[in-house]
Amino acid sequence: MARKLTTEETVTFVFSRIPDRPVRSQWLGREPRLSEIMEDPIVHLMMAVDGVAAEDVWRLARQVQDRAGGRAAVCGHATG
């Protein structure tokens, strides 16, 4: 499990990653795949603050996909 960040570490992390200019969303007009969401630095920040590891998210996504009989596209693509 990832170490939970202090408030000061969180603020420093967030402000160090704010761009100098507005950024157009790469997901405008479509729903992102889980693999794309998991690459987003803000998602990593939220996970770190909450003490959640990426491996835990992927494990849960595989469990959901298995329970849906492979129909759920939670791991990037539907298998059924």
C-alpha atoms as a PDB file:
ATOM      1  CA  MET A   1       0.000   0.000   0.000  1.00  0.00           C
ATOM      2  CA  ALA A   2       1.333   3.446  -0.899  1.00  0.00           C
ATOM      3  CA  ARG A   3       2.317   5.870   1.858  1.00  0.00           C
ATOM      4  CA  LYS A   4      -0.261   8.594   2.480  1.00  0.00           C
ATOM      5  CA  LEU A   5       1.059  12.074   1.637  1.00  0.00           C
ATOM      6  CA  THR A   6       0.993  14.896   4.145  1.00  0.00           C
ATOM      7  CA  THR A   7      -1.032  17.999   3.295  1.00  0.00           C
ATOM      8  CA  GLU A   8       2.165  19.922   2.565  1.00  0.00           C
ATOM      9  CA  GLU A   9       3.462  17.176   0.253  1.00  0.00           C
ATOM     10  CA  THR A  10       0.118  17.073  -1.546  1.00  0.00           C
ATOM     11  CA  VAL A  11       0.025  20.830  -2.114  1.00  0.00           C
ATOM     12  CA  THR A  12       3.640  20.854  -3.300  1.00  0.00           C
ATOM     13  CA  PHE A  13       2.959  17.953  -5.670  1.00  0.00           C
ATOM     14  CA  VAL A  14      -0.182  19.529  -7.145  1.00  0.00           C
ATOM     15  CA  PHE A  15       1.271  22.994  -7.673  1.00  0.00           C
ATOM     16  CA  SER A  16       4.469  21.622  -9.187  1.00  0.00           C
ATOM     17  CA  ARG A  17       2.379  20.004 -11.943  1.00  0.00           C
ATOM     18  CA  ILE A  18       0.070  22.852 -12.900  1.00  0.00           C
ATOM     19  CA  PRO A  19       0.945  23.921 -16.456  1.00  0.00           C
ATOM     20  CA  ASP A  20       1.701  27.529 -17.312  1.00  0.00           C
ATOM     21  CA  ARG A  21      -1.008  27.477 -19.976  1.00  0.00           C
ATOM     22  CA  PRO A  22      -4.398  25.815 -20.281  1.00  0.00           C
ATOM     23  CA  VAL A  23      -4.300  22.248 -21.540  1.00  0.00           C
ATOM     24  CA  ARG A  24      -7.014  20.854 -23.813  1.00  0.00           C
ATOM     25  CA  SER A  25      -8.383  17.584 -22.482  1.00  0.00           C
ATOM     26  CA  GLN A  26      -7.172  14.545 -24.375  1.00  0.00           C
ATOM     27  CA  TRP A  27     -10.504  12.884 -23.545  1.00  0.00           C
ATOM     28  CA  LEU A  28     -12.789  15.546 -24.987  1.00  0.00           C
ATOM     29  CA  GLY A  29     -15.735  13.898 -26.730  1.00  0.00           C
ATOM     30  CA  ARG A  30     -15.035  10.323 -25.583  1.00  0.00           C
ATOM     31  CA  GLU A  31     -14.777   8.245 -22.456  1.00  0.00           C
ATOM     32  CA  PRO A  32     -11.188   7.337 -21.537  1.00  0.00           C
ATOM     33  CA  ARG A  33     -10.004   3.771 -21.118  1.00  0.00           C
ATOM     34  CA  LEU A  34      -8.919   2.693 -17.649  1.00  0.00           C
ATOM     35  CA  SER A  35      -5.339   2.413 -18.905  1.00  0.00           C
ATOM     36  CA  GLU A  36      -5.459   6.097 -19.926  1.00  0.00           C
ATOM     37  CA  ILE A  37      -6.976   7.147 -16.616  1.00  0.00           C
ATOM     38  CA  MET A  38      -4.279   5.252 -14.754  1.00  0.00           C
ATOM     39  CA  GLU A  39      -1.586   7.202 -16.654  1.00  0.00           C
ATOM     40  CA  ASP A  40      -2.968  10.569 -15.486  1.00  0.00           C
ATOM     41  CA  PRO A  41      -0.724  12.259 -12.880  1.00  0.00           C
ATOM     42  CA  ILE A  42      -3.742  13.708 -11.048  1.00  0.00           C
ATOM     43  CA  VAL A  43      -5.136  10.192 -10.613  1.00  0.00           C
ATOM     44  CA  HIS A  44      -1.769   9.138  -9.167  1.00  0.00           C
ATOM     45  CA  LEU A  45      -1.927  12.093  -6.789  1.00  0.00           C
ATOM     46  CA  MET A  46      -5.399  11.160  -5.587  1.00  0.00           C
ATOM     47  CA  MET A  47      -4.337   7.534  -5.181  1.00  0.00           C
ATOM     48  CA  ALA A  48      -1.263   8.563  -3.184  1.00  0.00           C
ATOM     49  CA  VAL A  49      -3.323  10.815  -0.919  1.00  0.00           C
ATOM     50  CA  ASP A  50      -5.806   7.980  -0.352  1.00  0.00           C
ATOM     51  CA  GLY A  51      -3.094   5.355   0.121  1.00  0.00           C
ATOM     52  CA  VAL A  52      -4.224   3.307  -2.900  1.00  0.00           C
ATOM     53  CA  ALA A  53      -1.705   1.429  -5.054  1.00  0.00           C
ATOM     54  CA  ALA A  54      -2.116   1.020  -8.813  1.00  0.00           C
ATOM     55  CA  GLU A  55      -1.880  -2.759  -8.393  1.00  0.00           C
ATOM     56  CA  ASP A  56      -5.007  -2.631  -6.187  1.00  0.00           C
ATOM     57  CA  VAL A  57      -6.957  -0.766  -8.874  1.00  0.00           C
ATOM     58  CA  TRP A  58      -5.908  -3.209 -11.590  1.00  0.00           C
ATOM     59  CA  ARG A  59      -6.733  -6.204  -9.376  1.00  0.00           C
ATOM     60  CA  LEU A  60     -10.223  -4.800  -8.702  1.00  0.00           C
ATOM     61  CA  ALA A  61     -10.735  -4.070 -12.414  1.00  0.00           C
ATOM     62  CA  ARG A  62      -9.852  -7.673 -13.289  1.00  0.00           C
ATOM     63  CA  GLN A  63     -12.263  -8.960 -10.628  1.00  0.00           C
ATOM     64  CA  VAL A  64     -15.084  -6.808 -12.033  1.00  0.00           C
ATOM     65  CA  GLN A  65     -14.297  -7.985 -15.554  1.00  0.00           C
ATOM     66  CA  ASP A  66     -14.262 -11.633 -14.441  1.00  0.00           C
ATOM     67  CA  ARG A  67     -17.599 -11.273 -12.638  1.00  0.00           C
ATOM     68  CA  ALA A  68     -19.122  -9.683 -15.744  1.00  0.00           C
ATOM     69  CA  GLY A  69     -18.066 -12.729 -17.746  1.00  0.00           C
ATOM     70  CA  GLY A  70     -15.541 -10.700 -19.724  1.00  0.00           C
ATOM     71  CA  ARG A  71     -18.228  -8.341 -21.002  1.00  0.00           C
ATOM     72  CA  ALA A  72     -17.036  -5.351 -18.990  1.00  0.00           C
ATOM     73  CA  ALA A  73     -14.453  -3.238 -20.747  1.00  0.00           C
ATOM     74  CA  VAL A  74     -12.797  -2.227 -17.485  1.00  0.00           C
ATOM     75  CA  CYS A  75      -9.301  -3.399 -18.376  1.00  0.00           C
ATOM     76  CA  GLY A  76      -9.117  -1.616 -21.706  1.00  0.00           C
ATOM     77  CA  HIS A  77     -11.142  -3.960 -23.866  1.00  0.00           C
ATOM     78  CA  ALA A  78     -14.076  -6.329 -23.645  1.00  0.00           C
ATOM     79  CA  THR A  79     -13.225  -9.993 -23.862  1.00  0.00           C
ATOM     80  CA  GLY A  80     -16.710 -11.406 -24.379  1.00  0.00           C
END
